[in-house]
Amino acid sequence: TAPSAVQQALLFRQWSADVTWVQHTAPWPDDEALEQL
């Protein structure tokens, strides 16, 4: 629901190899964020 959800996904990836980011109402990630994900 916010740009910081990308950071949340990257953080939780430390604990699980199975993480999915679902856009819902958040802005679409920029190219750099998409590359990181």
PDB file of all heavy atoms in Angstrom:
ATOM      1  N   THR A   1       0.817  -1.214   0.000  1.00  0.00           N
ATOM      2  CA  THR A   1       0.000   0.000   0.000  1.00  0.00           C
ATOM      3  C   THR A   1       0.851   1.265   0.000  1.00  0.00           C
ATOM      4  O   THR A   1       0.316   2.366  -0.004  1.00  0.00           O
ATOM      5  CB  THR A   1      -0.923   0.038   1.239  1.00  0.00           C
ATOM      6  OG1 THR A   1      -0.113  -0.087   2.419  1.00  0.00           O
ATOM      7  CG2 THR A   1      -1.938  -1.097   1.195  1.00  0.00           C
ATOM      8  N   ALA A   2       2.171   1.099   0.020  1.00  0.00           N
ATOM      9  CA  ALA A   2       3.079   2.240   0.093  1.00  0.00           C
ATOM     10  C   ALA A   2       4.392   1.872  -0.582  1.00  0.00           C
ATOM     11  O   ALA A   2       4.712   0.686  -0.722  1.00  0.00           O
ATOM     12  CB  ALA A   2       3.327   2.626   1.552  1.00  0.00           C
ATOM     13  N   PRO A   3       5.179   2.872  -0.998  1.00  0.00           N
ATOM     14  CA  PRO A   3       6.476   2.575  -1.612  1.00  0.00           C
ATOM     15  C   PRO A   3       7.377   1.722  -0.736  1.00  0.00           C
ATOM     16  O   PRO A   3       8.158   0.906  -1.239  1.00  0.00           O
ATOM     17  CB  PRO A   3       7.073   3.967  -1.842  1.00  0.00           C
ATOM     18  CG  PRO A   3       5.900   4.885  -1.925  1.00  0.00           C
ATOM     19  CD  PRO A   3       4.882   4.322  -0.979  1.00  0.00           C
ATOM     20  N   SER A   4       7.283   1.871   0.589  1.00  0.00           N
ATOM     21  CA  SER A   4       8.151   1.119   1.502  1.00  0.00           C
ATOM     22  C   SER A   4       7.856  -0.372   1.501  1.00  0.00           C
ATOM     23  O   SER A   4       8.618  -1.155   2.088  1.00  0.00           O
ATOM     24  CB  SER A   4       8.018   1.662   2.923  1.00  0.00           C
ATOM     25  OG  SER A   4       6.669   1.639   3.361  1.00  0.00           O
ATOM     26  N   ALA A   5       6.778  -0.801   0.845  1.00  0.00           N
ATOM     27  CA  ALA A   5       6.483  -2.233   0.770  1.00  0.00           C
ATOM     28  C   ALA A   5       7.561  -2.991  -0.001  1.00  0.00           C
ATOM     29  O   ALA A   5       7.761  -4.186   0.231  1.00  0.00           O
ATOM     30  CB  ALA A   5       5.115  -2.454   0.128  1.00  0.00           C
ATOM     31  N   VAL A   6       8.248  -2.317  -0.910  1.00  0.00           N
ATOM     32  CA  VAL A   6       9.367  -2.957  -1.607  1.00  0.00           C
ATOM     33  C   VAL A   6      10.458  -3.300  -0.605  1.00  0.00           C
ATOM     34  O   VAL A   6      11.012  -4.413  -0.604  1.00  0.00           O
ATOM     35  CB  VAL A   6       9.908  -2.047  -2.727  1.00  0.00           C
ATOM     36  CG1 VAL A   6      11.228  -2.597  -3.279  1.00  0.00           C
ATOM     37  CG2 VAL A   6       8.890  -1.913  -3.846  1.00  0.00           C
ATOM     38  N   GLN A   7      10.774  -2.351   0.279  1.00  0.00           N
ATOM     39  CA  GLN A   7      11.782  -2.599   1.318  1.00  0.00           C
ATOM     40  C   GLN A   7      11.330  -3.734   2.245  1.00  0.00           C
ATOM     41  O   GLN A   7      12.152  -4.570   2.661  1.00  0.00           O
ATOM     42  CB  GLN A   7      12.022  -1.320   2.125  1.00  0.00           C
ATOM     43  CG  GLN A   7      13.023  -1.452   3.259  1.00  0.00           C
ATOM     44  CD  GLN A   7      14.465  -1.510   2.781  1.00  0.00           C
ATOM     45  OE1 GLN A   7      14.722  -1.541   1.584  1.00  0.00           O
ATOM     46  NE2 GLN A   7      15.400  -1.539   3.712  1.00  0.00           N
ATOM     47  N   GLN A   8      10.034  -3.772   2.555  1.00  0.00           N
ATOM     48  CA  GLN A   8       9.523  -4.851   3.394  1.00  0.00           C
ATOM     49  C   GLN A   8       9.758  -6.212   2.740  1.00  0.00           C
ATOM     50  O   GLN A   8      10.179  -7.170   3.387  1.00  0.00           O
ATOM     51  CB  GLN A   8       8.024  -4.655   3.655  1.00  0.00           C
ATOM     52  CG  GLN A   8       7.683  -3.473   4.543  1.00  0.00           C
ATOM     53  CD  GLN A   8       8.117  -3.699   5.970  1.00  0.00           C
ATOM     54  OE1 GLN A   8       9.282  -3.495   6.297  1.00  0.00           O
ATOM     55  NE2 GLN A   8       7.212  -4.103   6.823  1.00  0.00           N
ATOM     56  N   ALA A   9       9.470  -6.293   1.431  1.00  0.00           N
ATOM     57  CA  ALA A   9       9.665  -7.552   0.722  1.00  0.00           C
ATOM     58  C   ALA A   9      11.132  -7.972   0.747  1.00  0.00           C
ATOM     59  O   ALA A   9      11.458  -9.146   0.980  1.00  0.00           O
ATOM     60  CB  ALA A   9       9.169  -7.419  -0.718  1.00  0.00           C
ATOM     61  N   LEU A  10      12.033  -7.021   0.522  1.00  0.00           N
ATOM     62  CA  LEU A  10      13.457  -7.331   0.516  1.00  0.00           C
ATOM     63  C   LEU A  10      13.938  -7.756   1.901  1.00  0.00           C
ATOM     64  O   LEU A  10      14.796  -8.637   2.030  1.00  0.00           O
ATOM     65  CB  LEU A  10      14.248  -6.121   0.027  1.00  0.00           C
ATOM     66  CG  LEU A  10      14.009  -5.733  -1.442  1.00  0.00           C
ATOM     67  CD1 LEU A  10      14.630  -4.372  -1.748  1.00  0.00           C
ATOM     68  CD2 LEU A  10      14.575  -6.799  -2.379  1.00  0.00           C
ATOM     69  N   LEU A  11      13.380  -7.156   2.944  1.00  0.00           N
ATOM     70  CA  LEU A  11      13.762  -7.532   4.301  1.00  0.00           C
ATOM     71  C   LEU A  11      13.269  -8.931   4.652  1.00  0.00           C
ATOM     72  O   LEU A  11      14.033  -9.774   5.132  1.00  0.00           O
ATOM     73  CB  LEU A  11      13.209  -6.516   5.304  1.00  0.00           C
ATOM     74  CG  LEU A  11      13.997  -5.223   5.474  1.00  0.00           C
ATOM     75  CD1 LEU A  11      13.191  -4.213   6.279  1.00  0.00           C
ATOM     76  CD2 LEU A  11      15.326  -5.496   6.168  1.00  0.00           C
ATOM     77  N   PHE A  12      11.984  -9.204   4.398  1.00  0.00           N
ATOM     78  CA  PHE A  12      11.442 -10.510   4.750  1.00  0.00           C
ATOM     79  C   PHE A  12      12.074 -11.628   3.924  1.00  0.00           C
ATOM     80  O   PHE A  12      12.034 -12.798   4.326  1.00  0.00           O
ATOM     81  CB  PHE A  12       9.919 -10.513   4.603  1.00  0.00           C
ATOM     82  CG  PHE A  12       9.195 -10.024   5.826  1.00  0.00           C
ATOM     83  CD1 PHE A  12       8.740  -8.719   5.916  1.00  0.00           C
ATOM     84  CD2 PHE A  12       8.988 -10.871   6.900  1.00  0.00           C
ATOM     85  CE1 PHE A  12       8.070  -8.267   7.051  1.00  0.00           C
ATOM     86  CE2 PHE A  12       8.330 -10.434   8.032  1.00  0.00           C
ATOM     87  CZ  PHE A  12       7.866  -9.130   8.112  1.00  0.00           C
ATOM     88  N   ARG A  13      12.675 -11.274   2.789  1.00  0.00           N
ATOM     89  CA  ARG A  13      13.368 -12.272   1.975  1.00  0.00           C
ATOM     90  C   ARG A  13      14.534 -12.910   2.743  1.00  0.00           C
ATOM     91  O   ARG A  13      14.965 -14.026   2.426  1.00  0.00           O
ATOM     92  CB  ARG A  13      13.861 -11.605   0.688  1.00  0.00           C
ATOM     93  CG  ARG A  13      14.666 -12.492  -0.238  1.00  0.00           C
ATOM     94  CD  ARG A  13      13.864 -13.684  -0.747  1.00  0.00           C
ATOM     95  NE  ARG A  13      14.650 -14.490  -1.664  1.00  0.00           N
ATOM     96  CZ  ARG A  13      15.577 -15.370  -1.309  1.00  0.00           C
ATOM     97  NH1 ARG A  13      15.834 -15.573  -0.009  1.00  0.00           N
ATOM     98  NH2 ARG A  13      16.249 -16.062  -2.215  1.00  0.00           N
ATOM     99  N   GLN A  14      15.035 -12.234   3.789  1.00  0.00           N
ATOM    100  CA  GLN A  14      16.092 -12.818   4.609  1.00  0.00           C
ATOM    101  C   GLN A  14      15.617 -14.061   5.354  1.00  0.00           C
ATOM    102  O   GLN A  14      16.411 -14.929   5.698  1.00  0.00           O
ATOM    103  CB  GLN A  14      16.596 -11.803   5.641  1.00  0.00           C
ATOM    104  CG  GLN A  14      17.309 -10.615   5.048  1.00  0.00           C
ATOM    105  CD  GLN A  14      17.752  -9.623   6.109  1.00  0.00           C
ATOM    106  OE1 GLN A  14      17.656  -8.435   5.919  1.00  0.00           O
ATOM    107  NE2 GLN A  14      18.242 -10.135   7.233  1.00  0.00           N
ATOM    108  N   TRP A  15      14.318 -14.138   5.625  1.00  0.00           N
ATOM    109  CA  TRP A  15      13.774 -15.238   6.405  1.00  0.00           C
ATOM    110  C   TRP A  15      13.083 -16.300   5.543  1.00  0.00           C
ATOM    111  O   TRP A  15      12.860 -17.403   6.003  1.00  0.00           O
ATOM    112  CB  TRP A  15      12.776 -14.701   7.439  1.00  0.00           C
ATOM    113  CG  TRP A  15      13.441 -14.020   8.599  1.00  0.00           C
ATOM    114  CD1 TRP A  15      13.816 -14.596   9.773  1.00  0.00           C
ATOM    115  CD2 TRP A  15      13.817 -12.645   8.695  1.00  0.00           C
ATOM    116  NE1 TRP A  15      14.399 -13.664  10.601  1.00  0.00           N
ATOM    117  CE2 TRP A  15      14.408 -12.443   9.962  1.00  0.00           C
ATOM    118  CE3 TRP A  15      13.696 -11.538   7.848  1.00  0.00           C
ATOM    119  CZ2 TRP A  15      14.889 -11.216  10.397  1.00  0.00           C
ATOM    120  CZ3 TRP A  15      14.176 -10.316   8.265  1.00  0.00           C
ATOM    121  CH2 TRP A  15      14.774 -10.160   9.523  1.00  0.00           C
ATOM    122  N   SER A  16      12.704 -15.933   4.328  1.00  0.00           N
ATOM    123  CA  SER A  16      11.999 -16.887   3.474  1.00  0.00           C
ATOM    124  C   SER A  16      12.418 -16.692   2.022  1.00  0.00           C
ATOM    125  O   SER A  16      12.557 -15.554   1.546  1.00  0.00           O
ATOM    126  CB  SER A  16      10.478 -16.690   3.593  1.00  0.00           C
ATOM    127  OG  SER A  16       9.792 -17.487   2.646  1.00  0.00           O
ATOM    128  N   ALA A  17      12.585 -17.809   1.329  1.00  0.00           N
ATOM    129  CA  ALA A  17      12.920 -17.753  -0.099  1.00  0.00           C
ATOM    130  C   ALA A  17      11.671 -17.646  -0.966  1.00  0.00           C
ATOM    131  O   ALA A  17      11.774 -17.530  -2.188  1.00  0.00           O
ATOM    132  CB  ALA A  17      13.718 -18.995  -0.486  1.00  0.00           C
ATOM    133  N   ASP A  18      10.488 -17.666  -0.341  1.00  0.00           N
ATOM    134  CA  ASP A  18       9.216 -17.622  -1.074  1.00  0.00           C
ATOM    135  C   ASP A  18       8.439 -16.371  -0.665  1.00  0.00           C
ATOM    136  O   ASP A  18       7.605 -16.406   0.240  1.00  0.00           O
ATOM    137  CB  ASP A  18       8.410 -18.886  -0.774  1.00  0.00           C
ATOM    138  CG  ASP A  18       7.160 -19.005  -1.645  1.00  0.00           C
ATOM    139  OD1 ASP A  18       6.834 -18.031  -2.356  1.00  0.00           O
ATOM    140  OD2 ASP A  18       6.513 -20.066  -1.610  1.00  0.00           O
ATOM    141  N   VAL A  19       8.766 -15.248  -1.310  1.00  0.00           N
ATOM    142  CA  VAL A  19       8.113 -13.964  -1.023  1.00  0.00           C
ATOM    143  C   VAL A  19       7.509 -13.418  -2.309  1.00  0.00           C
ATOM    144  O   VAL A  19       8.172 -13.399  -3.354  1.00  0.00           O
ATOM    145  CB  VAL A  19       9.112 -12.944  -0.428  1.00  0.00           C
ATOM    146  CG1 VAL A  19       8.425 -11.598  -0.190  1.00  0.00           C
ATOM    147  CG2 VAL A  19       9.710 -13.461   0.867  1.00  0.00           C
ATOM    148  N   THR A  20       6.266 -12.971  -2.226  1.00  0.00           N
ATOM    149  CA  THR A  20       5.572 -12.364  -3.373  1.00  0.00           C
ATOM    150  C   THR A  20       5.148 -10.958  -3.011  1.00  0.00           C
ATOM    151  O   THR A  20       4.559 -10.736  -1.946  1.00  0.00           O
ATOM    152  CB  THR A  20       4.336 -13.186  -3.769  1.00  0.00           C
ATOM    153  OG1 THR A  20       4.718 -14.524  -4.054  1.00  0.00           O
ATOM    154  CG2 THR A  20       3.660 -12.589  -5.002  1.00  0.00           C
ATOM    155  N   TRP A  21       5.454 -10.011  -3.893  1.00  0.00           N
ATOM    156  CA  TRP A  21       5.034  -8.608  -3.713  1.00  0.00           C
ATOM    157  C   TRP A  21       3.787  -8.387  -4.559  1.00  0.00           C
ATOM    158  O   TRP A  21       3.819  -8.579  -5.781  1.00  0.00           O
ATOM    159  CB  TRP A  21       6.160  -7.676  -4.147  1.00  0.00           C
ATOM    160  CG  TRP A  21       5.904  -6.204  -3.942  1.00  0.00           C
ATOM    161  CD1 TRP A  21       6.230  -5.447  -2.868  1.00  0.00           C
ATOM    162  CD2 TRP A  21       5.282  -5.294  -4.878  1.00  0.00           C
ATOM    163  NE1 TRP A  21       5.861  -4.135  -3.041  1.00  0.00           N
ATOM    164  CE2 TRP A  21       5.264  -4.020  -4.276  1.00  0.00           C
ATOM    165  CE3 TRP A  21       4.729  -5.449  -6.147  1.00  0.00           C
ATOM    166  CZ2 TRP A  21       4.734  -2.900  -4.903  1.00  0.00           C
ATOM    167  CZ3 TRP A  21       4.184  -4.330  -6.779  1.00  0.00           C
ATOM    168  CH2 TRP A  21       4.193  -3.076  -6.158  1.00  0.00           C
ATOM    169  N   VAL A  22       2.668  -7.990  -3.912  1.00  0.00           N
ATOM    170  CA  VAL A  22       1.400  -7.772  -4.610  1.00  0.00           C
ATOM    171  C   VAL A  22       1.069  -6.287  -4.557  1.00  0.00           C
ATOM    172  O   VAL A  22       0.953  -5.710  -3.465  1.00  0.00           O
ATOM    173  CB  VAL A  22       0.269  -8.606  -3.979  1.00  0.00           C
ATOM    174  CG1 VAL A  22      -1.025  -8.428  -4.779  1.00  0.00           C
ATOM    175  CG2 VAL A  22       0.659 -10.072  -3.909  1.00  0.00           C
ATOM    176  N   GLN A  23       0.880  -5.672  -5.691  1.00  0.00           N
ATOM    177  CA  GLN A  23       0.816  -4.214  -5.792  1.00  0.00           C
ATOM    178  C   GLN A  23      -0.308  -3.582  -4.983  1.00  0.00           C
ATOM    179  O   GLN A  23      -0.104  -2.573  -4.312  1.00  0.00           O
ATOM    180  CB  GLN A  23       0.667  -3.780  -7.251  1.00  0.00           C
ATOM    181  CG  GLN A  23       0.663  -2.262  -7.400  1.00  0.00           C
ATOM    182  CD  GLN A  23       0.513  -1.809  -8.853  1.00  0.00           C
ATOM    183  OE1 GLN A  23       0.206  -2.619  -9.737  1.00  0.00           O
ATOM    184  NE2 GLN A  23       0.738  -0.537  -9.098  1.00  0.00           N
ATOM    185  N   HIS A  24      -1.498  -4.103  -5.022  1.00  0.00           N
ATOM    186  CA  HIS A  24      -2.686  -3.532  -4.380  1.00  0.00           C
ATOM    187  C   HIS A  24      -2.796  -2.039  -4.694  1.00  0.00           C
ATOM    188  O   HIS A  24      -3.036  -1.684  -5.839  1.00  0.00           O
ATOM    189  CB  HIS A  24      -2.685  -3.815  -2.879  1.00  0.00           C
ATOM    190  CG  HIS A  24      -4.013  -3.557  -2.232  1.00  0.00           C
ATOM    191  ND1 HIS A  24      -5.173  -4.123  -2.699  1.00  0.00           N
ATOM    192  CD2 HIS A  24      -4.382  -2.780  -1.178  1.00  0.00           C
ATOM    193  CE1 HIS A  24      -6.197  -3.711  -1.965  1.00  0.00           C
ATOM    194  NE2 HIS A  24      -5.734  -2.896  -1.033  1.00  0.00           N
ATOM    195  N   THR A  25      -2.565  -1.136  -3.714  1.00  0.00           N
ATOM    196  CA  THR A  25      -2.702   0.306  -3.970  1.00  0.00           C
ATOM    197  C   THR A  25      -1.360   1.033  -4.011  1.00  0.00           C
ATOM    198  O   THR A  25      -1.334   2.269  -4.092  1.00  0.00           O
ATOM    199  CB  THR A  25      -3.589   0.960  -2.892  1.00  0.00           C
ATOM    200  OG1 THR A  25      -2.991   0.744  -1.597  1.00  0.00           O
ATOM    201  CG2 THR A  25      -4.988   0.366  -2.892  1.00  0.00           C
ATOM    202  N   ALA A  26      -0.267   0.319  -3.923  1.00  0.00           N
ATOM    203  CA  ALA A  26       1.055   0.964  -3.937  1.00  0.00           C
ATOM    204  C   ALA A  26       1.428   1.391  -5.354  1.00  0.00           C
ATOM    205  O   ALA A  26       0.942   0.815  -6.340  1.00  0.00           O
ATOM    206  CB  ALA A  26       2.104   0.000  -3.400  1.00  0.00           C
ATOM    207  N   PRO A  27       2.283   2.396  -5.477  1.00  0.00           N
ATOM    208  CA  PRO A  27       2.784   2.740  -6.811  1.00  0.00           C
ATOM    209  C   PRO A  27       3.631   1.606  -7.372  1.00  0.00           C
ATOM    210  O   PRO A  27       4.251   0.857  -6.609  1.00  0.00           O
ATOM    211  CB  PRO A  27       3.622   4.002  -6.560  1.00  0.00           C
ATOM    212  CG  PRO A  27       3.986   3.945  -5.109  1.00  0.00           C
ATOM    213  CD  PRO A  27       2.846   3.268  -4.418  1.00  0.00           C
ATOM    214  N   TRP A  28       3.626   1.483  -8.695  1.00  0.00           N
ATOM    215  CA  TRP A  28       4.413   0.438  -9.328  1.00  0.00           C
ATOM    216  C   TRP A  28       5.899   0.713  -9.090  1.00  0.00           C
ATOM    217  O   TRP A  28       6.347   1.853  -9.187  1.00  0.00           O
ATOM    218  CB  TRP A  28       4.114   0.382 -10.815  1.00  0.00           C
ATOM    219  CG  TRP A  28       4.767  -0.778 -11.519  1.00  0.00           C
ATOM    220  CD1 TRP A  28       5.773  -0.716 -12.428  1.00  0.00           C
ATOM    221  CD2 TRP A  28       4.454  -2.158 -11.359  1.00  0.00           C
ATOM    222  NE1 TRP A  28       6.114  -1.976 -12.852  1.00  0.00           N
ATOM    223  CE2 TRP A  28       5.319  -2.891 -12.205  1.00  0.00           C
ATOM    224  CE3 TRP A  28       3.539  -2.867 -10.565  1.00  0.00           C
ATOM    225  CZ2 TRP A  28       5.295  -4.280 -12.288  1.00  0.00           C
ATOM    226  CZ3 TRP A  28       3.516  -4.250 -10.663  1.00  0.00           C
ATOM    227  CH2 TRP A  28       4.384  -4.938 -11.510  1.00  0.00           C
ATOM    228  N   PRO A  29       6.682  -0.288  -8.736  1.00  0.00           N
ATOM    229  CA  PRO A  29       8.113  -0.060  -8.463  1.00  0.00           C
ATOM    230  C   PRO A  29       8.843   0.485  -9.689  1.00  0.00           C
ATOM    231  O   PRO A  29       8.506   0.146 -10.831  1.00  0.00           O
ATOM    232  CB  PRO A  29       8.622  -1.456  -8.101  1.00  0.00           C
ATOM    233  CG  PRO A  29       7.408  -2.240  -7.710  1.00  0.00           C
ATOM    234  CD  PRO A  29       6.295  -1.695  -8.528  1.00  0.00           C
ATOM    235  N   ASP A  30       9.846   1.323  -9.431  1.00  0.00           N
ATOM    236  CA  ASP A  30      10.647   1.822 -10.549  1.00  0.00           C
ATOM    237  C   ASP A  30      11.595   0.725 -11.024  1.00  0.00           C
ATOM    238  O   ASP A  30      11.654  -0.373 -10.452  1.00  0.00           O
ATOM    239  CB  ASP A  30      11.406   3.097 -10.161  1.00  0.00           C
ATOM    240  CG  ASP A  30      12.361   2.904  -8.988  1.00  0.00           C
ATOM    241  OD1 ASP A  30      12.780   1.757  -8.734  1.00  0.00           O
ATOM    242  OD2 ASP A  30      12.697   3.905  -8.322  1.00  0.00           O
ATOM    243  N   ASP A  31      12.329   1.024 -12.077  1.00  0.00           N
ATOM    244  CA  ASP A  31      13.181  -0.002 -12.690  1.00  0.00           C
ATOM    245  C   ASP A  31      14.217  -0.544 -11.711  1.00  0.00           C
ATOM    246  O   ASP A  31      14.506  -1.753 -11.705  1.00  0.00           O
ATOM    247  CB  ASP A  31      13.883   0.575 -13.927  1.00  0.00           C
ATOM    248  CG  ASP A  31      12.911   0.824 -15.075  1.00  0.00           C
ATOM    249  OD1 ASP A  31      11.783   0.275 -15.029  1.00  0.00           O
ATOM    250  OD2 ASP A  31      13.268   1.572 -16.005  1.00  0.00           O
ATOM    251  N   GLU A  32      14.793   0.335 -10.890  1.00  0.00           N
ATOM    252  CA  GLU A  32      15.798  -0.119  -9.935  1.00  0.00           C
ATOM    253  C   GLU A  32      15.198  -1.085  -8.920  1.00  0.00           C
ATOM    254  O   GLU A  32      15.782  -2.129  -8.605  1.00  0.00           O
ATOM    255  CB  GLU A  32      16.422   1.078  -9.215  1.00  0.00           C
ATOM    256  CG  GLU A  32      17.504   0.681  -8.212  1.00  0.00           C
ATOM    257  CD  GLU A  32      18.088   1.877  -7.470  1.00  0.00           C
ATOM    258  OE1 GLU A  32      17.549   2.991  -7.602  1.00  0.00           O
ATOM    259  OE2 GLU A  32      19.088   1.685  -6.750  1.00  0.00           O
ATOM    260  N   ALA A  33      13.999  -0.740  -8.411  1.00  0.00           N
ATOM    261  CA  ALA A  33      13.340  -1.604  -7.436  1.00  0.00           C
ATOM    262  C   ALA A  33      12.958  -2.943  -8.059  1.00  0.00           C
ATOM    263  O   ALA A  33      13.108  -4.002  -7.427  1.00  0.00           O
ATOM    264  CB  ALA A  33      12.112  -0.918  -6.862  1.00  0.00           C
ATOM    265  N   LEU A  34      12.477  -2.913  -9.297  1.00  0.00           N
ATOM    266  CA  LEU A  34      12.122  -4.156  -9.979  1.00  0.00           C
ATOM    267  C   LEU A  34      13.349  -5.050 -10.164  1.00  0.00           C
ATOM    268  O   LEU A  34      13.268  -6.271 -10.006  1.00  0.00           O
ATOM    269  CB  LEU A  34      11.483  -3.850 -11.328  1.00  0.00           C
ATOM    270  CG  LEU A  34      10.055  -3.288 -11.276  1.00  0.00           C
ATOM    271  CD1 LEU A  34       9.618  -2.836 -12.665  1.00  0.00           C
ATOM    272  CD2 LEU A  34       9.084  -4.340 -10.729  1.00  0.00           C
ATOM    273  N   GLU A  35      14.472  -4.415 -10.471  1.00  0.00           N
ATOM    274  CA  GLU A  35      15.705  -5.185 -10.629  1.00  0.00           C
ATOM    275  C   GLU A  35      16.103  -5.832  -9.305  1.00  0.00           C
ATOM    276  O   GLU A  35      16.541  -6.995  -9.262  1.00  0.00           O
ATOM    277  CB  GLU A  35      16.816  -4.283 -11.151  1.00  0.00           C
ATOM    278  CG  GLU A  35      18.137  -5.015 -11.376  1.00  0.00           C
ATOM    279  CD  GLU A  35      19.243  -4.089 -11.854  1.00  0.00           C
ATOM    280  OE1 GLU A  35      19.274  -2.913 -11.406  1.00  0.00           O
ATOM    281  OE2 GLU A  35      20.080  -4.541 -12.659  1.00  0.00           O
ATOM    282  N   GLN A  36      15.953  -5.080  -8.206  1.00  0.00           N
ATOM    283  CA  GLN A  36      16.309  -5.613  -6.890  1.00  0.00           C
ATOM    284  C   GLN A  36      15.398  -6.777  -6.507  1.00  0.00           C
ATOM    285  O   GLN A  36      15.860  -7.805  -5.997  1.00  0.00           O
ATOM    286  CB  GLN A  36      16.217  -4.504  -5.843  1.00  0.00           C
ATOM    287  CG  GLN A  36      17.267  -3.423  -6.015  1.00  0.00           C
ATOM    288  CD  GLN A  36      17.016  -2.237  -5.092  1.00  0.00           C
ATOM    289  OE1 GLN A  36      15.920  -2.081  -4.535  1.00  0.00           O
ATOM    290  NE2 GLN A  36      18.018  -1.390  -4.939  1.00  0.00           N
ATOM    291  N   LEU A  37      14.104  -6.635  -6.750  1.00  0.00           N
ATOM    292  CA  LEU A  37      13.163  -7.706  -6.432  1.00  0.00           C
ATOM    293  C   LEU A  37      13.470  -8.953  -7.259  1.00  0.00           C
ATOM    294  O   LEU A  37      13.463 -10.078  -6.737  1.00  0.00           O
ATOM    295  CB  LEU A  37      11.729  -7.234  -6.692  1.00  0.00           C
ATOM    296  CG  LEU A  37      11.210  -6.136  -5.738  1.00  0.00           C
ATOM    297  CD1 LEU A  37       9.926  -5.525  -6.280  1.00  0.00           C
ATOM    298  CD2 LEU A  37      10.979  -6.690  -4.339  1.00  0.00           C
TER     299      LEU A  37
END
